[in-house]
Amino acid sequence: MERHKKILFYFLFSFLSINLLAQDYSISMLPFNTDKYDEFSPIYHKGDIVFCSNRKNTIFITYTDEKKNLPLLDIYKVIEEGKNKWGKVELFSETFKSPFYEGPATFNDQGSVIYFTRNIEIKKRVGNSISKKNKLGIYYSKYNRRSNVWSTPTPFVYNDSEFNFAHPSLSEDGNSLFFVSDKDGGYGGTDLYVCKLVNGGWSEPENLGSTINTIGNEYFPFIHSTGRLYFSSDEHEGLGRLDIFYSEIVNGNWHKPIHMDAPINSRYNDFGLIIDAFKKSGMFCSDRQRTSDDIYSFTPLYPMFDNSTRQVENDYCYVLYEAGAENPDSTMFDYEWNFGDGKKTRGIEVDHCFNGPGDFTVELNVIDKLTGEVYYTQATYPLQIEDVKQVYINAPDTVKVGQEILFDGRQTNIEDFKIYKYYWDFGDGRKTRGIEAQHIYTTRGNFIVQLGVVSKKDKGGNTQKRGVYKNIVVVGDAKERGRRVGN
């Protein structure tokens, strides 16, 4: 009976956790989706949203997808005319229209260069469908402002008729191109790769490694202007089939991917996430409501602390030295520092660490060795020690898997505004609120913990925000280390 109670409690706790996490975002299906056809992989382009769809754009359908018996993908655009108002969906450009697959796409920062996915061979087909041997490749094109047309697409230098190269995502500076490939030498079905622009040419594809890639499939990379990489995977632990994750480079390496909570992820396929430069809103794709893929918009309800800085540790330690001190007869006298905190140390130059901030009066006294009394005071200094003006995370730097950790924000030292709320992001997909919080990490790794604070809204409805982050290293517990040694 006791066992049944524990199982029931576990599922109840899981259900409550998911619903609490679901309050972090507001999502809605965008109105330009269709019931029957797929819409997915949105990307921002000069005020438009560019996306892929297999909707009909002509009464003549030359080729179809043999699995869905629907037209093949083309690249479309739609203009956002206002809040929740969208214009007419149109083909992005006739230049990229073909009887084969087109998209997803990505643009450079100026919107003048496009990289997109399409079939490598334009002649391989079986009946009315594309041959399975017709692999996907990446192509690019440049926009000519004078003629108002896009140039004829040029194949990416590493396209290979034996493997797929797809889902490009270009970094903001245009120097890194992320993409998906099933080329030899990977970890699973499809892996994420990156090429770097060096002397005007793309470097050899570099696999992002086993932290990002798995024995399964990784798809739909999106590299944000901050350097955060969003992608989808069917192998990293998640809620459903394809789930959305993100990672960042920490100390030269990608940290363990963080799973985005509900309602971004669901038990269905979730993929193709993008987010604006300020991380205030974004879009993603899902088949959660019907058999076709749809594009959803999302807005964080949880405050975003985009300008968070790395935490600076408070330093209460000083080296004290009196340059003008005269050397008394060392057989009779000695120098003694009185730090004003109840502690004293003898010597002309000393090290001392105070317990914390405060106002102290530091004295350098000449001591009579025979009596131990102060012979005279050489110097007196007022010393004010303050914490760094910052939001502050009081927590250990290294913890163990399964260890209950107390995170405390009481040492926050800011004067710009009165703090109304504290928000914690533990870097493993979990968030909470409060001046202090308890958390347990379930896996080893290097996690970025963020604490953000906000003020109350002013008369104009505006709030002030501030945030910091620090790294927490989570190591295996003693039992886990013992098992590894034993094996």
Protein backbone atom coordinates (compact mmCIF):
# COMPACT_ATOMS: atom_id res chain seq x y z
CA MET A 1 0.00 0.00 0.00
CA GLU A 2 2.83 2.36 0.87
CA ARG A 3 4.43 1.70 -2.54
CA HIS A 4 1.23 2.72 -4.35
CA LYS A 5 1.09 5.96 -2.39
CA LYS A 6 4.62 6.86 -3.45
CA ILE A 7 3.90 6.21 -7.12
CA LEU A 8 0.74 8.30 -7.02
CA PHE A 9 2.61 11.15 -5.36
CA TYR A 10 5.34 11.00 -8.01
CA PHE A 11 2.91 11.38 -10.90
CA LEU A 12 1.02 14.13 -9.10
CA PHE A 13 4.28 16.00 -8.50
CA SER A 14 5.27 15.63 -12.15
CA PHE A 15 1.92 16.97 -13.31
CA LEU A 16 2.13 19.98 -11.02
CA SER A 17 5.69 20.71 -12.10
CA ILE A 18 4.77 20.76 -15.77
CA ASN A 19 1.85 23.09 -15.18
CA LEU A 20 3.93 25.47 -13.08
CA LEU A 21 6.60 25.58 -15.74
CA ALA A 22 3.95 26.20 -18.37
CA GLN A 23 3.38 29.63 -16.87
CA ASP A 24 6.74 30.86 -18.19
CA TYR A 25 5.50 31.37 -21.78
CA SER A 26 2.36 32.43 -23.57
CA ILE A 27 1.97 30.68 -26.94
CA SER A 28 -0.49 30.95 -29.82
CA MET A 29 -0.85 29.37 -33.24
CA LEU A 30 -0.30 31.96 -35.95
CA PRO A 31 -3.28 32.67 -38.22
CA PHE A 32 -1.46 32.11 -41.54
CA ASN A 33 -1.18 28.36 -40.84
CA THR A 34 -3.34 26.03 -42.91
CA ASP A 35 -5.31 22.97 -41.82
CA LYS A 36 -4.01 20.51 -44.40
CA TYR A 37 -0.52 21.73 -45.28
CA ASP A 38 2.70 22.14 -43.32
CA GLU A 39 4.18 25.47 -42.26
CA PHE A 40 7.50 25.44 -40.42
CA SER A 41 11.05 26.84 -40.00
CA PRO A 42 10.29 30.57 -39.72
CA ILE A 43 13.12 33.10 -39.94
CA TYR A 44 13.16 36.90 -39.63
CA HIS A 45 13.86 38.94 -42.76
CA LYS A 46 13.41 42.73 -42.95
CA GLY A 47 10.10 42.81 -41.13
CA ASP A 48 8.79 39.71 -42.87
CA ILE A 49 8.58 36.16 -41.65
CA VAL A 50 10.03 33.71 -44.16
CA PHE A 51 9.02 30.08 -43.77
CA CYS A 52 8.60 26.72 -45.54
CA SER A 53 5.32 25.22 -46.66
CA ASN A 54 3.97 22.53 -48.96
CA ARG A 55 0.77 24.47 -49.61
CA LYS A 56 -0.40 24.79 -53.23
CA ASN A 57 0.81 27.84 -55.11
CA THR A 58 -0.34 26.74 -58.56
CA ILE A 59 -3.11 24.60 -60.01
CA PHE A 60 -0.44 22.43 -61.63
CA ILE A 61 1.43 20.11 -59.25
CA THR A 62 4.42 18.52 -60.95
CA TYR A 63 5.90 16.59 -58.04
CA THR A 64 4.56 15.40 -54.71
CA ASP A 65 5.84 14.06 -51.42
CA GLU A 66 5.31 10.32 -51.70
CA LYS A 67 4.58 9.96 -47.96
CA LYS A 68 1.93 12.68 -47.68
CA ASN A 69 0.89 12.97 -51.33
CA LEU A 70 1.22 16.75 -50.99
CA PRO A 71 3.16 19.33 -52.99
CA LEU A 72 6.84 19.73 -52.21
CA LEU A 73 8.23 22.55 -50.10
CA ASP A 74 8.63 26.13 -51.24
CA ILE A 75 9.83 29.25 -49.44
CA TYR A 76 7.13 31.78 -48.51
CA LYS A 77 6.93 35.13 -46.79
CA VAL A 78 4.31 36.99 -44.80
CA ILE A 79 4.37 40.54 -43.44
CA GLU A 80 3.46 41.29 -39.83
CA GLU A 81 1.21 44.32 -40.18
CA GLY A 82 0.57 44.80 -36.48
CA LYS A 83 0.00 42.97 -33.25
CA ASN A 84 -1.62 39.66 -34.22
CA LYS A 85 -2.22 40.99 -37.74
CA TRP A 86 -0.59 39.38 -40.75
CA GLY A 87 -0.65 40.16 -44.43
CA LYS A 88 -1.08 37.85 -47.39
CA VAL A 89 1.22 34.83 -47.70
CA GLU A 90 3.30 34.98 -50.89
CA LEU A 91 6.15 33.11 -52.49
CA PHE A 92 9.39 34.62 -51.23
CA SER A 93 10.93 34.77 -54.71
CA GLU A 94 10.38 33.09 -58.05
CA THR A 95 14.17 32.64 -58.17
CA PHE A 96 13.96 29.88 -55.57
CA LYS A 97 10.87 28.15 -56.87
CA SER A 98 11.46 24.74 -58.40
CA PRO A 99 9.57 21.42 -58.67
CA PHE A 100 11.70 20.12 -55.77
CA TYR A 101 12.25 20.84 -52.09
CA GLU A 102 13.15 24.43 -51.13
CA GLY A 103 13.91 25.48 -47.55
CA PRO A 104 14.54 25.99 -44.66
CA ALA A 105 16.47 29.25 -45.11
CA THR A 106 18.68 31.70 -43.23
CA PHE A 107 19.88 35.24 -43.96
CA ASN A 108 22.88 37.39 -43.20
CA ASP A 109 22.41 40.35 -40.87
CA GLN A 110 21.61 42.77 -43.72
CA GLY A 111 19.15 40.36 -45.34
CA SER A 112 21.08 40.54 -48.60
CA VAL A 113 22.40 36.95 -48.65
CA ILE A 114 20.27 33.84 -48.28
CA TYR A 115 21.38 30.28 -47.56
CA PHE A 116 18.71 27.66 -48.06
CA THR A 117 18.10 23.94 -48.52
CA ARG A 118 17.11 22.35 -51.82
CA ASN A 119 17.53 19.07 -53.68
CA ILE A 120 20.91 18.68 -55.36
CA GLU A 121 19.65 17.00 -58.52
CA ILE A 122 16.69 18.56 -60.33
CA LYS A 123 16.08 15.59 -62.63
CA LYS A 124 15.90 12.58 -60.30
CA ARG A 125 12.35 11.45 -59.72
CA VAL A 126 10.30 8.30 -59.45
CA GLY A 127 6.96 8.72 -61.19
CA ASN A 128 5.58 11.87 -59.65
CA SER A 129 7.89 11.82 -56.60
CA ILE A 130 11.52 12.67 -55.92
CA SER A 131 14.03 9.84 -55.84
CA LYS A 132 15.31 8.98 -52.38
CA LYS A 133 18.81 9.17 -53.82
CA ASN A 134 18.31 12.86 -54.58
CA LYS A 135 20.06 14.30 -51.54
CA LEU A 136 19.56 17.73 -50.03
CA GLY A 137 22.19 20.45 -50.31
CA ILE A 138 22.75 24.00 -49.16
CA TYR A 139 22.66 26.84 -51.68
CA TYR A 140 23.20 30.57 -51.39
CA SER A 141 22.12 33.63 -53.34
CA LYS A 142 22.81 37.38 -53.18
CA TYR A 143 20.27 40.14 -53.60
CA ASN A 144 20.91 42.79 -56.25
CA ARG A 145 19.35 46.06 -55.15
CA ARG A 146 19.60 47.64 -58.59
CA SER A 147 17.78 44.88 -60.43
CA ASN A 148 15.66 43.93 -57.41
CA VAL A 149 16.30 40.21 -57.98
CA TRP A 150 18.17 37.40 -56.29
CA SER A 151 21.11 35.84 -58.09
CA THR A 152 21.03 32.29 -59.43
CA PRO A 153 21.59 29.97 -56.44
CA THR A 154 25.16 28.71 -55.97
CA PRO A 155 25.84 25.35 -54.30
CA PHE A 156 27.63 25.25 -50.96
CA VAL A 157 31.20 24.07 -51.44
CA TYR A 158 30.72 20.93 -49.30
CA ASN A 159 27.51 19.64 -50.88
CA ASP A 160 27.83 15.92 -51.61
CA SER A 161 25.49 13.80 -53.73
CA GLU A 162 26.02 10.92 -51.26
CA PHE A 163 24.89 12.80 -48.15
CA ASN A 164 22.39 15.42 -47.01
CA PHE A 165 23.42 18.96 -46.10
CA ALA A 166 20.46 20.97 -44.84
CA HIS A 167 18.90 23.40 -42.32
CA PRO A 168 21.50 26.21 -42.52
CA SER A 169 21.71 28.90 -39.83
CA LEU A 170 24.08 31.84 -40.27
CA SER A 171 25.57 33.68 -37.29
CA GLU A 172 24.89 37.40 -36.95
CA ASP A 173 28.43 38.33 -38.01
CA GLY A 174 28.20 35.99 -41.02
CA ASN A 175 31.32 34.10 -40.01
CA SER A 176 29.77 30.82 -38.85
CA LEU A 177 27.37 28.61 -40.75
CA PHE A 178 25.62 25.89 -38.73
CA PHE A 179 23.81 23.07 -40.51
CA VAL A 180 22.66 19.44 -40.39
CA SER A 181 24.28 16.52 -42.19
CA ASP A 182 24.27 12.74 -42.20
CA LYS A 183 27.80 12.64 -43.63
CA ASP A 184 30.23 9.92 -42.56
CA GLY A 185 32.01 10.32 -39.24
CA GLY A 186 29.04 11.55 -37.20
CA TYR A 187 27.54 10.22 -33.99
CA GLY A 188 24.09 9.27 -35.22
CA GLY A 189 21.55 9.71 -37.99
CA THR A 190 21.98 13.45 -38.50
CA ASP A 191 24.42 15.67 -36.63
CA LEU A 192 24.98 19.40 -36.27
CA TYR A 193 28.07 20.91 -37.92
CA VAL A 194 29.63 24.34 -38.30
CA CYS A 195 31.88 25.93 -40.92
CA LYS A 196 33.87 29.09 -40.24
CA LEU A 197 34.54 31.82 -42.80
CA VAL A 198 38.32 32.04 -43.20
CA ASN A 199 39.96 34.32 -45.79
CA GLY A 200 36.73 34.49 -47.77
CA GLY A 201 36.13 30.71 -47.85
CA TRP A 202 34.37 28.18 -45.64
CA SER A 203 36.51 25.92 -43.45
CA GLU A 204 35.99 22.16 -43.37
CA PRO A 205 32.74 21.11 -41.60
CA GLU A 206 33.33 20.67 -37.87
CA ASN A 207 31.09 18.30 -35.94
CA LEU A 208 29.78 20.02 -32.79
CA GLY A 209 30.72 16.97 -30.75
CA SER A 210 29.07 14.40 -28.52
CA THR A 211 27.74 16.96 -26.05
CA ILE A 212 25.39 18.28 -28.74
CA ASN A 213 25.07 15.30 -31.09
CA THR A 214 23.72 11.88 -30.15
CA ILE A 215 23.14 8.45 -31.65
CA GLY A 216 19.77 9.83 -32.72
CA ASN A 217 18.99 12.85 -34.91
CA GLU A 218 19.67 16.53 -34.34
CA TYR A 219 17.90 19.02 -36.60
CA PHE A 220 16.96 22.69 -37.17
CA PRO A 221 19.84 24.67 -35.64
CA PHE A 222 19.32 28.36 -34.95
CA ILE A 223 22.29 30.40 -33.74
CA HIS A 224 21.19 33.46 -31.77
CA SER A 225 23.07 36.77 -31.80
CA THR A 226 24.21 36.04 -28.22
CA GLY A 227 25.92 32.82 -29.33
CA ARG A 228 23.23 30.56 -27.89
CA LEU A 229 22.45 27.60 -30.15
CA TYR A 230 18.88 26.29 -30.33
CA PHE A 231 18.18 22.95 -32.02
CA SER A 232 15.89 19.93 -31.95
CA SER A 233 16.72 16.33 -31.08
CA ASP A 234 14.89 13.03 -30.84
CA GLU A 235 17.51 11.48 -28.56
CA HIS A 236 18.36 13.99 -25.81
CA GLU A 237 15.97 13.37 -22.93
CA GLY A 238 12.77 15.33 -23.48
CA LEU A 239 8.98 15.28 -23.31
CA GLY A 240 8.12 13.89 -26.73
CA ARG A 241 9.49 12.98 -30.14
CA LEU A 242 11.47 15.96 -31.38
CA ASP A 243 12.15 18.40 -28.56
CA ILE A 244 13.84 21.81 -28.54
CA PHE A 245 17.09 22.35 -26.63
CA TYR A 246 19.70 25.06 -26.35
CA SER A 247 23.37 25.26 -25.47
CA GLU A 248 26.17 27.82 -25.23
CA ILE A 249 29.93 27.70 -25.33
CA VAL A 250 31.44 27.83 -21.82
CA ASN A 251 35.22 27.84 -21.43
CA GLY A 252 35.64 26.83 -25.05
CA ASN A 253 33.17 23.92 -24.99
CA TRP A 254 29.46 23.48 -25.56
CA HIS A 255 27.72 22.92 -22.25
CA LYS A 256 25.12 20.22 -21.76
CA PRO A 257 21.98 21.06 -23.78
CA ILE A 258 19.11 22.49 -21.75
CA HIS A 259 15.61 21.28 -22.47
CA MET A 260 13.02 24.00 -22.99
CA ASP A 261 10.05 23.40 -20.74
CA ALA A 262 6.37 23.20 -21.59
CA PRO A 263 4.58 24.77 -23.32
CA ILE A 264 7.42 25.19 -25.85
CA ASN A 265 8.00 21.43 -25.79
CA SER A 266 5.25 18.87 -25.74
CA ARG A 267 4.82 15.12 -26.26
CA TYR A 268 4.63 15.81 -30.02
CA ASN A 269 7.25 17.04 -32.50
CA ASP A 270 8.59 20.49 -31.56
CA PHE A 271 11.30 22.12 -33.63
CA GLY A 272 12.49 25.12 -35.67
CA LEU A 273 12.65 27.66 -32.84
CA ILE A 274 13.79 31.24 -33.45
CA ILE A 275 13.91 34.14 -31.02
CA ASP A 276 14.48 37.85 -31.56
CA ALA A 277 17.70 39.64 -30.70
CA PHE A 278 16.36 40.75 -27.31
CA LYS A 279 14.94 37.34 -26.38
CA LYS A 280 11.52 38.92 -25.87
CA SER A 281 9.52 36.84 -28.33
CA GLY A 282 9.95 34.11 -30.87
CA MET A 283 8.42 31.31 -32.90
CA PHE A 284 8.62 27.54 -33.08
CA CYS A 285 6.91 24.70 -34.92
CA SER A 286 4.85 21.78 -33.72
CA ASP A 287 2.34 19.15 -34.86
CA ARG A 288 0.67 19.10 -31.43
CA GLN A 289 -2.81 20.15 -32.56
CA ARG A 290 -3.21 18.27 -35.85
CA THR A 291 -1.39 16.04 -38.33
CA SER A 292 0.29 18.97 -40.08
CA ASP A 293 3.14 21.17 -38.83
CA ASP A 294 2.20 24.67 -37.67
CA ILE A 295 4.07 27.78 -36.58
CA TYR A 296 3.46 29.14 -33.09
CA SER A 297 4.52 32.41 -31.56
CA PHE A 298 5.64 32.63 -27.95
CA THR A 299 6.21 35.43 -25.48
CA PRO A 300 8.02 34.82 -22.20
CA LEU A 301 5.98 35.58 -19.13
CA TYR A 302 9.10 35.03 -17.07
CA PRO A 303 11.28 38.19 -17.24
CA MET A 304 14.29 38.00 -19.56
CA PHE A 305 17.55 39.41 -18.17
CA ASP A 306 19.40 40.00 -21.43
CA ASN A 307 22.12 42.25 -20.00
CA SER A 308 23.20 39.98 -17.18
CA THR A 309 26.90 40.19 -16.34
CA ARG A 310 29.23 37.62 -14.88
CA GLN A 311 29.27 37.84 -11.09
CA VAL A 312 32.34 39.48 -9.53
CA GLU A 313 33.32 37.89 -6.24
CA ASN A 314 33.59 40.24 -3.28
CA ASP A 315 37.17 40.52 -1.99
CA TYR A 316 37.67 41.46 1.65
CA CYS A 317 41.41 40.73 1.78
CA TYR A 318 44.08 43.45 1.88
CA VAL A 319 47.84 43.84 2.06
CA LEU A 320 48.64 46.58 4.61
CA TYR A 321 51.94 48.47 4.53
CA GLU A 322 52.96 51.84 5.94
CA ALA A 323 55.51 53.40 3.59
CA GLY A 324 56.39 56.24 5.99
CA ALA A 325 57.01 54.07 9.01
CA GLU A 326 60.36 54.54 10.77
CA ASN A 327 62.23 51.51 11.98
CA PRO A 328 62.27 51.57 15.79
CA ASP A 329 64.73 49.61 17.87
CA SER A 330 63.59 46.05 17.09
CA THR A 331 64.96 44.82 20.42
CA MET A 332 62.53 47.03 22.31
CA PHE A 333 59.67 47.82 19.94
CA ASP A 334 57.50 46.14 17.33
CA TYR A 335 54.84 47.22 14.85
CA GLU A 336 51.29 45.97 15.39
CA TRP A 337 48.26 46.45 13.16
CA ASN A 338 44.89 46.79 14.84
CA PHE A 339 42.32 46.14 12.09
CA GLY A 340 39.30 47.44 13.96
CA ASP A 341 37.50 44.12 13.72
CA GLY A 342 38.86 42.67 16.96
CA LYS A 343 41.98 41.21 15.36
CA LYS A 344 45.63 42.29 15.48
CA THR A 345 48.81 41.24 13.67
CA ARG A 346 52.45 42.31 14.15
CA GLY A 347 54.71 43.30 11.28
CA ILE A 348 55.45 46.25 9.02
CA GLU A 349 53.65 44.55 6.10
CA VAL A 350 50.76 42.16 6.79
CA ASP A 351 47.93 40.38 5.02
CA HIS A 352 44.44 40.47 6.47
CA CYS A 353 40.99 39.33 5.40
CA PHE A 354 37.94 41.00 6.89
CA ASN A 355 34.81 38.92 7.43
CA GLY A 356 32.68 41.20 5.32
CA PRO A 357 31.74 44.77 4.45
CA GLY A 358 31.74 47.51 7.06
CA ASP A 359 33.43 50.66 8.36
CA PHE A 360 36.71 50.00 10.12
CA THR A 361 39.42 52.11 11.75
CA VAL A 362 42.82 50.56 11.09
CA GLU A 363 45.72 51.56 13.33
CA LEU A 364 49.44 50.95 13.06
CA ASN A 365 50.87 51.03 16.58
CA VAL A 366 54.37 50.83 17.95
CA ILE A 367 54.32 48.26 20.77
CA ASP A 368 56.65 48.14 23.74
CA LYS A 369 57.83 44.54 23.75
CA LEU A 370 58.51 44.56 27.46
CA THR A 371 55.08 45.76 28.57
CA GLY A 372 53.02 44.86 25.49
CA GLU A 373 51.45 48.30 25.66
CA VAL A 374 51.08 50.78 22.82
CA TYR A 375 54.10 53.09 22.89
CA TYR A 376 52.63 55.38 20.27
CA THR A 377 50.33 55.25 17.22
CA GLN A 378 52.23 55.53 13.95
CA ALA A 379 49.15 55.93 11.68
CA THR A 380 45.36 55.71 11.66
CA TYR A 381 43.27 54.95 8.59
CA PRO A 382 39.49 54.85 8.11
CA LEU A 383 38.61 51.91 5.86
CA GLN A 384 35.21 51.42 4.27
CA ILE A 385 34.66 48.01 2.71
CA GLU A 386 31.66 47.62 0.40
CA ASP A 387 30.31 44.77 -1.63
CA VAL A 388 30.48 45.16 -5.42
CA LYS A 389 27.39 46.97 -6.70
CA GLN A 390 25.67 43.99 -8.31
CA VAL A 391 23.04 41.34 -7.95
CA TYR A 392 24.75 38.57 -6.01
CA ILE A 393 24.35 34.78 -6.01
CA ASN A 394 25.49 33.23 -2.75
CA ALA A 395 26.08 29.57 -3.58
CA PRO A 396 28.98 27.10 -3.73
CA ASP A 397 31.00 26.86 -6.93
CA THR A 398 31.13 23.04 -6.89
CA VAL A 399 28.36 20.69 -5.74
CA LYS A 400 27.48 17.02 -6.02
CA VAL A 401 24.74 15.28 -7.95
CA GLY A 402 21.72 14.93 -5.66
CA GLN A 403 22.99 17.51 -3.17
CA GLU A 404 20.40 19.98 -1.92
CA ILE A 405 21.81 23.45 -2.53
CA LEU A 406 20.63 26.73 -1.02
CA PHE A 407 20.86 29.67 -3.41
CA ASP A 408 20.63 33.02 -1.61
CA GLY A 409 20.27 36.52 -3.09
CA ARG A 410 20.43 38.51 0.16
CA GLN A 411 23.92 39.86 -0.55
CA THR A 412 22.63 41.69 -3.61
CA ASN A 413 23.94 45.24 -3.44
CA ILE A 414 22.26 47.67 -5.82
CA GLU A 415 21.02 51.21 -5.21
CA ASP A 416 19.27 52.02 -8.51
CA PHE A 417 15.92 50.67 -7.39
CA LYS A 418 14.12 48.79 -4.67
CA ILE A 419 13.89 45.08 -5.47
CA TYR A 420 10.37 43.73 -5.84
CA LYS A 421 11.01 40.16 -7.04
CA TYR A 422 13.88 37.70 -7.46
CA TYR A 423 14.00 35.21 -10.37
CA TRP A 424 16.31 32.17 -10.52
CA ASP A 425 17.35 30.18 -13.59
CA PHE A 426 19.46 27.16 -12.59
CA GLY A 427 20.76 26.44 -16.09
CA ASP A 428 19.28 22.94 -16.27
CA GLY A 429 15.87 24.06 -17.51
CA ARG A 430 14.47 24.78 -14.04
CA LYS A 431 13.40 28.17 -12.74
CA THR A 432 11.86 29.56 -9.58
CA ARG A 433 11.22 32.77 -7.69
CA GLY A 434 12.17 34.16 -4.28
CA ILE A 435 15.06 35.76 -2.43
CA GLU A 436 16.36 32.26 -1.72
CA ALA A 437 15.79 28.95 -3.43
CA GLN A 438 16.69 25.30 -2.97
CA HIS A 439 17.71 23.18 -5.92
CA ILE A 440 19.07 19.70 -6.70
CA TYR A 441 21.03 18.87 -9.83
CA THR A 442 20.38 15.38 -11.17
CA THR A 443 23.26 15.17 -13.65
CA ARG A 444 26.92 16.12 -13.72
CA GLY A 445 28.04 19.09 -15.79
CA ASN A 446 28.84 22.79 -15.92
CA PHE A 447 25.70 24.89 -15.40
CA ILE A 448 25.16 28.64 -15.72
CA VAL A 449 23.01 29.95 -12.86
CA GLN A 450 21.31 33.30 -13.32
CA LEU A 451 19.66 35.54 -10.73
CA GLY A 452 17.59 38.47 -11.95
CA VAL A 453 15.80 41.11 -9.90
CA VAL A 454 13.04 43.51 -10.90
CA SER A 455 11.42 46.58 -9.42
CA LYS A 456 7.74 47.33 -9.14
CA LYS A 457 6.10 48.93 -12.15
CA ASP A 458 6.19 52.70 -12.23
CA LYS A 459 3.26 54.88 -13.30
CA GLY A 460 4.09 54.20 -16.92
CA GLY A 461 4.02 50.46 -16.39
CA ASN A 462 7.80 50.13 -16.73
CA THR A 463 10.09 48.07 -14.53
CA GLN A 464 13.83 48.11 -13.92
CA LYS A 465 15.83 44.89 -14.14
CA ARG A 466 19.29 43.69 -13.27
CA GLY A 467 20.92 40.29 -13.40
CA VAL A 468 24.12 38.29 -12.90
CA TYR A 469 25.25 34.77 -13.65
CA LYS A 470 27.88 32.38 -12.35
CA ASN A 471 29.04 28.86 -13.17
CA ILE A 472 28.21 25.89 -10.96
CA VAL A 473 30.17 22.67 -11.50
CA VAL A 474 28.20 19.54 -10.60
CA VAL A 475 30.29 16.43 -9.95
CA GLY A 476 29.24 12.83 -9.34
CA ASP A 477 28.40 11.79 -5.80
CA ALA A 478 30.51 9.32 -3.83
CA LYS A 479 28.38 6.32 -4.82
CA GLU A 480 28.60 7.20 -8.50
CA ARG A 481 32.39 7.61 -8.35
CA GLY A 482 32.62 4.26 -6.55
CA ARG A 483 30.65 2.51 -9.29
CA ARG A 484 32.87 3.99 -12.00
CA VAL A 485 36.03 2.84 -10.19
CA GLY A 486 34.58 -0.60 -9.57
CA ASN A 487 33.69 -1.07 -13.23
